[in-house]
């Protein structure tokens, strides 16, 4: 009986060893990935992707695929700005294509990595509402949106001019308006061209709203006086010196003629003429000295850079293209003189 029990135990151990499912090492211990740390979605691997035989004929998708792959690599290398540029390029190339909306998820992910949570939610919601998703993809998008909304707070920023909003030295949006930020302490800075920037510290809790009011002051545009004044005093210096020299030469000539003419009859008239010429010489030389001093002072108070810029713009047509760093728009401006 004891032998029978021993054989039975041995057989049971062998059966359990070969047939009982043993979980892989670490399979149950692997942490669940946070919805805020999702990997990029590849349109090529989605359930709606064409079969290999059909993919070769989808030329538009083939042209956009390198940009999608570059964007995925950039995200894995923690380069969200470069990834965003590639995904936006692919999105534009696939305009009207069945898989265009799939890229909205990756664009939202890039904005999330750049702390632009308001725009990230905008693109996630578009992905959820515009795309023909499977139930798994739809659940994933909802989890991402719900998780972000639980962790974020809203800043309602009012300001007297349209400004860029930099949070913790990162451009996240524009004001006035509402912006989403992560909970905690942040440095909020508003910047606008031609205005002094303004910076404040703020602490926010998740799922709360905080109002902030800013007023930006204009930067003084005064850089110096016009070069016209310095040029005018310089010309007056030269003119006064020349006129004074002429009167001086005439006075010396009159004095020399008077010494040679020993038998002059109108001595008083000649002396009066010489004294008058000498006085006029002194006046113009004194004026030249004053104008020269004024020119030296004005030289250091003159805005010479403004004159150089104006000279460069004469007869030149400049075309300036300014790209909005948050929106894919271009502002075309024509500047210069005609």
Protein backbone atom coordinates (compact mmCIF):
# COMPACT_ATOMS: atom_id res chain seq x y z
CA UNK A 1 0.00 0.00 0.00
CA UNK A 2 2.86 2.35 0.84
CA UNK A 3 4.49 1.57 -2.50
CA UNK A 4 1.25 2.35 -4.29
CA UNK A 5 0.97 5.72 -2.59
CA UNK A 6 4.56 6.55 -3.47
CA UNK A 7 4.05 5.70 -7.13
CA UNK A 8 0.84 7.77 -7.19
CA UNK A 9 2.64 10.84 -5.80
CA UNK A 10 5.41 10.52 -8.34
CA UNK A 11 2.93 10.23 -11.23
CA UNK A 12 0.98 13.29 -9.98
CA UNK A 13 4.13 15.41 -9.81
CA UNK A 14 5.07 14.41 -13.39
CA UNK A 15 1.60 15.24 -14.68
CA UNK A 16 1.56 18.63 -12.96
CA UNK A 17 5.00 19.42 -14.28
CA UNK A 18 4.10 18.90 -17.94
CA UNK A 19 0.48 20.02 -18.08
CA UNK A 20 0.02 22.75 -15.45
CA UNK A 21 0.37 26.23 -17.11
CA UNK A 22 3.33 28.07 -15.56
CA UNK A 23 3.20 31.88 -16.01
CA UNK A 24 6.16 33.59 -17.62
CA UNK A 25 8.61 35.22 -15.27
CA UNK A 26 7.56 38.76 -14.51
CA UNK A 27 4.37 38.60 -16.57
CA UNK A 28 2.13 39.45 -13.61
CA UNK A 29 4.62 41.91 -12.12
CA UNK A 30 4.93 44.05 -15.27
CA UNK A 31 3.50 47.52 -14.46
CA UNK A 32 0.61 48.83 -16.46
CA UNK A 33 1.54 51.65 -18.81
CA UNK A 34 0.04 55.01 -17.91
CA UNK A 35 -2.27 56.50 -20.55
CA UNK A 36 -0.09 59.62 -20.44
CA UNK A 37 2.94 57.55 -21.47
CA UNK A 38 1.46 55.73 -24.43
CA UNK A 39 3.63 54.81 -27.39
CA UNK A 40 2.82 56.35 -30.77
CA UNK A 41 0.12 54.73 -32.85
CA UNK A 42 1.28 53.50 -36.23
CA UNK A 43 -1.39 53.79 -38.94
CA UNK A 44 0.35 51.03 -40.84
CA UNK A 45 -0.26 48.55 -38.02
CA UNK A 46 -3.89 49.50 -37.33
CA UNK A 47 -6.67 46.97 -38.07
CA UNK A 48 -7.75 49.09 -41.02
CA UNK A 49 -4.32 48.92 -42.66
CA UNK A 50 -4.23 47.41 -46.16
CA UNK A 51 -2.81 43.98 -46.82
CA UNK A 52 0.79 43.77 -48.13
CA UNK A 53 -0.43 43.14 -51.64
CA UNK A 54 -2.54 46.31 -51.53
CA UNK A 55 -0.01 48.50 -49.74
CA UNK A 56 2.25 48.69 -52.77
CA UNK A 57 -0.53 50.35 -54.75
CA UNK A 58 -1.29 52.96 -52.03
CA UNK A 59 1.19 55.54 -53.29
CA UNK A 60 0.01 58.39 -51.06
CA UNK A 61 0.45 56.33 -47.92
CA UNK A 62 3.84 55.11 -49.14
CA UNK A 63 4.97 58.72 -49.53
CA UNK A 64 3.78 59.64 -46.03
CA UNK A 65 5.13 56.50 -44.34
CA UNK A 66 8.77 57.74 -44.02
CA UNK A 67 7.55 60.83 -42.13
CA UNK A 68 5.44 58.65 -39.84
CA UNK A 69 8.38 56.38 -39.12
CA UNK A 70 10.70 59.35 -38.48
CA UNK A 71 8.13 60.78 -36.09
CA UNK A 72 7.91 57.50 -34.17
CA UNK A 73 11.70 57.30 -33.88
CA UNK A 74 11.90 60.91 -32.70
CA UNK A 75 9.30 60.24 -30.00
CA UNK A 76 11.19 57.21 -28.73
CA UNK A 77 14.33 59.38 -28.66
CA UNK A 78 12.42 61.99 -26.60
CA UNK A 79 12.42 64.60 -29.36
CA UNK A 80 8.74 65.64 -29.44
CA UNK A 81 9.32 68.84 -31.45
CA UNK A 82 10.93 66.91 -34.30
CA UNK A 83 8.27 64.20 -34.05
CA UNK A 84 5.47 66.78 -34.20
CA UNK A 85 6.89 68.27 -37.40
CA UNK A 86 7.03 64.84 -39.04
CA UNK A 87 3.50 63.82 -37.99
CA UNK A 88 2.03 67.15 -39.14
CA UNK A 89 3.78 66.72 -42.49
CA UNK A 90 2.38 63.21 -42.85
CA UNK A 91 -1.09 64.46 -41.86
CA UNK A 92 -1.00 67.08 -44.62
CA UNK A 93 0.22 64.53 -47.18
CA UNK A 94 -2.68 62.19 -46.33
CA UNK A 95 -5.41 64.81 -46.74
CA UNK A 96 -8.65 62.97 -47.55
CA UNK A 97 -7.02 59.56 -46.98
CA UNK A 98 -8.75 56.94 -44.84
CA UNK A 99 -5.82 56.80 -42.41
CA UNK A 100 -5.28 60.54 -42.04
CA UNK A 101 -7.22 60.80 -38.79
CA UNK A 102 -5.09 58.05 -37.19
CA UNK A 103 -2.19 60.51 -37.04
CA UNK A 104 -4.22 62.82 -34.79
CA UNK A 105 -3.41 60.53 -31.87
CA UNK A 106 0.34 60.90 -32.43
CA UNK A 107 0.04 64.69 -32.82
CA UNK A 108 -1.78 64.83 -29.49
CA UNK A 109 0.92 62.66 -27.92
CA UNK A 110 3.61 65.09 -29.11
CA UNK A 111 1.78 68.06 -27.59
CA UNK A 112 1.41 66.11 -24.34
CA UNK A 113 5.17 65.47 -24.22
CA UNK A 114 5.68 69.22 -24.79
CA UNK A 115 3.37 70.06 -21.84
CA UNK A 116 0.82 71.61 -24.21
CA UNK A 117 -2.04 69.74 -22.58
CA UNK A 118 -4.86 71.89 -23.98
CA UNK A 119 -3.81 71.13 -27.54
CA UNK A 120 -3.11 67.50 -26.65
CA UNK A 121 -6.70 67.08 -25.42
CA UNK A 122 -7.96 68.84 -28.55
CA UNK A 123 -6.24 66.32 -30.83
CA UNK A 124 -7.15 63.30 -28.67
CA UNK A 125 -10.81 64.30 -28.77
CA UNK A 126 -10.65 64.77 -32.53
CA UNK A 127 -9.07 61.33 -32.84
CA UNK A 128 -11.86 59.87 -30.72
CA UNK A 129 -14.70 61.63 -32.56
CA UNK A 130 -13.49 61.67 -36.18
CA UNK A 131 -11.80 58.28 -36.62
CA UNK A 132 -13.42 54.93 -37.32
CA UNK A 133 -11.92 53.16 -34.31
CA UNK A 134 -12.11 49.66 -32.95
CA UNK A 135 -13.53 49.21 -29.46
CA UNK A 136 -10.01 48.70 -28.11
CA UNK A 137 -8.70 51.90 -29.72
CA UNK A 138 -11.73 53.85 -28.52
CA UNK A 139 -11.29 52.60 -24.95
CA UNK A 140 -7.61 53.50 -25.04
CA UNK A 141 -8.35 57.05 -26.24
CA UNK A 142 -10.97 57.51 -23.52
CA UNK A 143 -8.53 56.29 -20.87
CA UNK A 144 -5.92 58.78 -22.05
CA UNK A 145 -8.39 61.68 -22.01
CA UNK A 146 -9.83 60.74 -18.61
CA UNK A 147 -6.37 60.30 -17.08
CA UNK A 148 -5.20 63.68 -18.40
CA UNK A 149 -8.27 65.49 -17.14
CA UNK A 150 -7.79 63.97 -13.66
CA UNK A 151 -4.19 65.18 -13.45
CA UNK A 152 -4.60 68.65 -14.98
CA UNK A 153 -5.75 72.04 -13.80
CA UNK A 154 -7.02 75.03 -15.77
CA UNK A 155 -5.39 78.44 -15.85
CA UNK A 156 -7.63 81.26 -17.08
CA UNK A 157 -5.23 84.01 -18.13
CA UNK A 158 -6.30 87.57 -18.93
CA UNK A 159 -3.88 90.13 -20.38
CA UNK A 160 -4.09 93.49 -22.12
CA UNK A 161 -2.35 92.29 -25.34
CA UNK A 162 -2.12 89.00 -27.21
CA UNK A 163 0.84 87.16 -25.71
CA UNK A 164 2.73 83.90 -25.75
CA UNK A 165 2.42 81.84 -22.58
CA UNK A 166 5.59 80.14 -21.34
CA UNK A 167 5.22 77.73 -18.44
CA UNK A 168 8.45 76.52 -16.86
CA UNK A 169 10.36 77.95 -19.85
CA UNK A 170 8.22 75.99 -22.34
CA UNK A 171 5.89 77.63 -24.87
CA UNK A 172 2.48 76.09 -24.19
CA UNK A 173 -0.09 78.45 -25.69
CA UNK A 174 -1.39 81.97 -26.14
CA UNK A 175 -3.27 84.41 -23.95
CA UNK A 176 -5.86 85.63 -23.21
CA UNK A 177 -7.66 82.31 -22.79
CA UNK A 178 -7.67 79.02 -20.88
CA UNK A 179 -4.72 76.64 -20.67
CA UNK A 180 -4.32 73.22 -19.11
CA UNK A 181 -1.34 72.61 -16.82
CA UNK A 182 -0.23 69.73 -14.65
CA UNK A 183 -0.88 70.02 -10.93
CA UNK A 184 1.88 71.49 -8.79
CA UNK A 185 3.97 74.66 -8.78
CA UNK A 186 4.80 76.43 -12.04
CA UNK A 187 6.44 79.58 -13.36
CA UNK A 188 4.09 81.40 -15.75
CA UNK A 189 5.61 84.00 -18.08
CA UNK A 190 3.85 86.11 -20.73
CA UNK A 191 5.80 87.51 -23.68
CA UNK A 192 4.68 89.87 -26.44
CA UNK A 193 6.66 91.69 -29.10
CA UNK A 194 7.28 95.29 -28.12
CA UNK A 195 6.28 94.70 -24.49
CA UNK A 196 8.16 93.85 -21.33
CA UNK A 197 7.61 90.24 -20.25
CA UNK A 198 5.86 89.45 -16.97
CA UNK A 199 6.54 86.39 -14.79
CA UNK A 200 4.73 84.90 -11.79
CA UNK A 201 4.77 81.78 -9.65
CA UNK A 202 1.56 79.78 -9.25
CA UNK A 203 0.52 76.58 -7.49
CA UNK A 204 -2.51 74.62 -8.71
CA UNK A 205 -4.28 71.45 -7.66
CA UNK A 206 -5.60 68.92 -10.16
CA UNK A 207 -9.12 69.42 -11.50
CA UNK A 208 -9.24 73.04 -10.31
CA UNK A 209 -9.44 76.41 -12.08
CA UNK A 210 -7.28 79.41 -11.25
CA UNK A 211 -7.52 82.91 -12.73
CA UNK A 212 -4.46 85.03 -13.41
CA UNK A 213 -4.39 88.63 -14.64
CA UNK A 214 -1.40 90.27 -16.33
CA UNK A 215 -0.65 93.71 -17.71
CA UNK A 216 2.32 94.10 -20.03
CA UNK A 217 4.01 97.47 -20.34
CA UNK A 218 5.30 98.78 -23.65
CA UNK A 219 9.04 98.90 -24.17
CA UNK A 220 10.29 102.42 -24.83
CA UNK A 221 11.06 102.87 -28.51
CA UNK A 222 13.39 105.83 -27.91
CA UNK A 223 16.92 104.93 -29.03
CA UNK A 224 18.40 108.41 -29.64
CA UNK A 225 17.89 111.62 -31.56
CA UNK A 226 17.83 111.85 -35.32
CA UNK A 227 21.19 112.03 -37.13
CA UNK A 228 19.82 115.16 -38.83
CA UNK A 229 20.75 117.34 -35.84
CA UNK A 230 24.31 116.10 -35.62
CA UNK A 231 24.75 116.53 -39.36
CA UNK A 232 23.32 120.07 -39.23
CA UNK A 233 25.67 121.21 -36.48
CA UNK A 234 28.63 119.67 -38.32
CA UNK A 235 27.75 121.61 -41.47
CA UNK A 236 27.33 124.83 -39.48
CA UNK A 237 30.75 124.23 -37.92
CA UNK A 238 32.39 124.02 -41.33
CA UNK A 239 30.48 127.02 -42.73
CA UNK A 240 31.32 129.19 -39.69
CA UNK A 241 34.99 128.24 -39.89
CA UNK A 242 35.14 129.02 -43.62
CA UNK A 243 33.40 132.40 -43.24
CA UNK A 244 35.60 133.28 -40.27
CA UNK A 245 38.70 132.40 -42.30
CA UNK A 246 37.55 134.67 -45.14
CA UNK A 247 37.04 137.62 -42.77
CA UNK A 248 40.38 136.90 -41.14
CA UNK A 249 42.19 136.93 -44.45
CA UNK A 250 40.49 140.24 -45.35
CA UNK A 251 41.52 141.76 -42.00
CA UNK A 252 45.13 140.71 -42.47
CA UNK A 253 45.12 142.05 -46.01
CA UNK A 254 43.67 145.40 -44.91
CA UNK A 255 46.23 145.68 -42.11
CA UNK A 256 49.08 144.90 -44.50
CA UNK A 257 47.86 147.49 -47.00
CA UNK A 258 47.62 150.10 -44.24
CA UNK A 259 51.24 149.52 -43.18
CA UNK A 260 52.48 149.87 -46.75
CA UNK A 261 50.57 153.11 -47.34
CA UNK A 262 52.39 155.46 -44.99
CA UNK A 263 50.75 158.53 -46.44
CA UNK A 264 47.20 157.35 -45.92
CA UNK A 265 44.71 160.14 -45.45
CA UNK A 266 41.67 158.33 -43.93
CA UNK A 267 43.39 156.65 -40.99
CA UNK A 268 40.29 156.38 -38.84
CA UNK A 269 38.19 154.77 -41.61
CA UNK A 270 40.87 152.16 -42.30
CA UNK A 271 41.24 151.30 -38.63
CA UNK A 272 37.48 150.95 -38.26
CA UNK A 273 37.36 148.57 -41.23
CA UNK A 274 40.18 146.42 -39.82
CA UNK A 275 38.55 146.27 -36.37
CA UNK A 276 35.22 145.30 -37.98
CA UNK A 277 36.83 142.47 -39.96
CA UNK A 278 38.64 141.23 -36.87
CA UNK A 279 35.40 141.25 -34.86
CA UNK A 280 33.54 139.34 -37.55
CA UNK A 281 36.41 136.84 -37.70
CA UNK A 282 36.25 136.30 -33.94
CA UNK A 283 32.46 135.88 -34.01
CA UNK A 284 32.49 133.23 -36.74
CA UNK A 285 35.40 131.33 -35.20
CA UNK A 286 33.61 131.37 -31.83
CA UNK A 287 30.44 130.11 -33.55
CA UNK A 288 32.46 127.35 -35.24
CA UNK A 289 33.79 126.29 -31.83
CA UNK A 290 30.30 126.19 -30.32
CA UNK A 291 28.90 124.18 -33.25
CA UNK A 292 31.86 121.80 -33.07
CA UNK A 293 31.23 121.19 -29.36
CA UNK A 294 27.52 120.64 -30.04
CA UNK A 295 28.36 118.18 -32.83
CA UNK A 296 30.55 116.18 -30.46
CA UNK A 297 27.79 115.95 -27.85
CA UNK A 298 25.09 115.10 -30.39
CA UNK A 299 27.29 112.39 -31.90
CA UNK A 300 26.95 110.32 -28.72
CA UNK A 301 23.21 110.98 -28.46
CA UNK A 302 22.36 110.08 -32.06
CA UNK A 303 20.63 106.85 -33.16
CA UNK A 304 22.97 105.86 -35.98
CA UNK A 305 21.54 102.32 -36.23
CA UNK A 306 18.12 103.68 -37.16
CA UNK A 307 19.64 105.65 -40.01
CA UNK A 308 21.49 102.56 -41.27
CA UNK A 309 18.29 100.48 -41.23
CA UNK A 310 16.38 103.19 -43.09
CA UNK A 311 19.14 103.40 -45.70
CA UNK A 312 19.07 99.64 -46.17
CA UNK A 313 15.30 99.69 -46.69
CA UNK A 314 15.35 102.42 -49.34
CA UNK A 315 14.31 100.92 -52.67
CA UNK A 316 14.21 97.42 -51.22
CA UNK A 317 11.18 95.17 -50.95
CA UNK A 318 11.45 92.61 -48.18
CA UNK A 319 9.11 89.68 -47.80
CA UNK A 320 8.88 88.36 -44.25
CA UNK A 321 7.35 85.00 -43.41
CA UNK A 322 6.49 84.37 -39.77
CA UNK A 323 5.36 80.94 -38.62
CA UNK A 324 3.18 80.55 -35.58
CA UNK A 325 4.98 78.13 -33.27
CA UNK A 326 1.74 76.66 -31.99
CA UNK A 327 -0.43 76.67 -35.12
CA UNK A 328 0.56 75.65 -38.65
CA UNK A 329 -0.09 79.09 -40.13
CA UNK A 330 2.11 81.56 -42.00
CA UNK A 331 1.98 85.34 -41.77
CA UNK A 332 3.25 86.95 -45.01
CA UNK A 333 4.38 90.56 -44.77
CA UNK A 334 5.83 92.94 -47.35
CA UNK A 335 8.13 95.62 -45.95
CA UNK A 336 10.33 98.35 -47.35
CA UNK A 337 10.21 101.44 -49.56
CA UNK A 338 9.02 101.60 -53.13
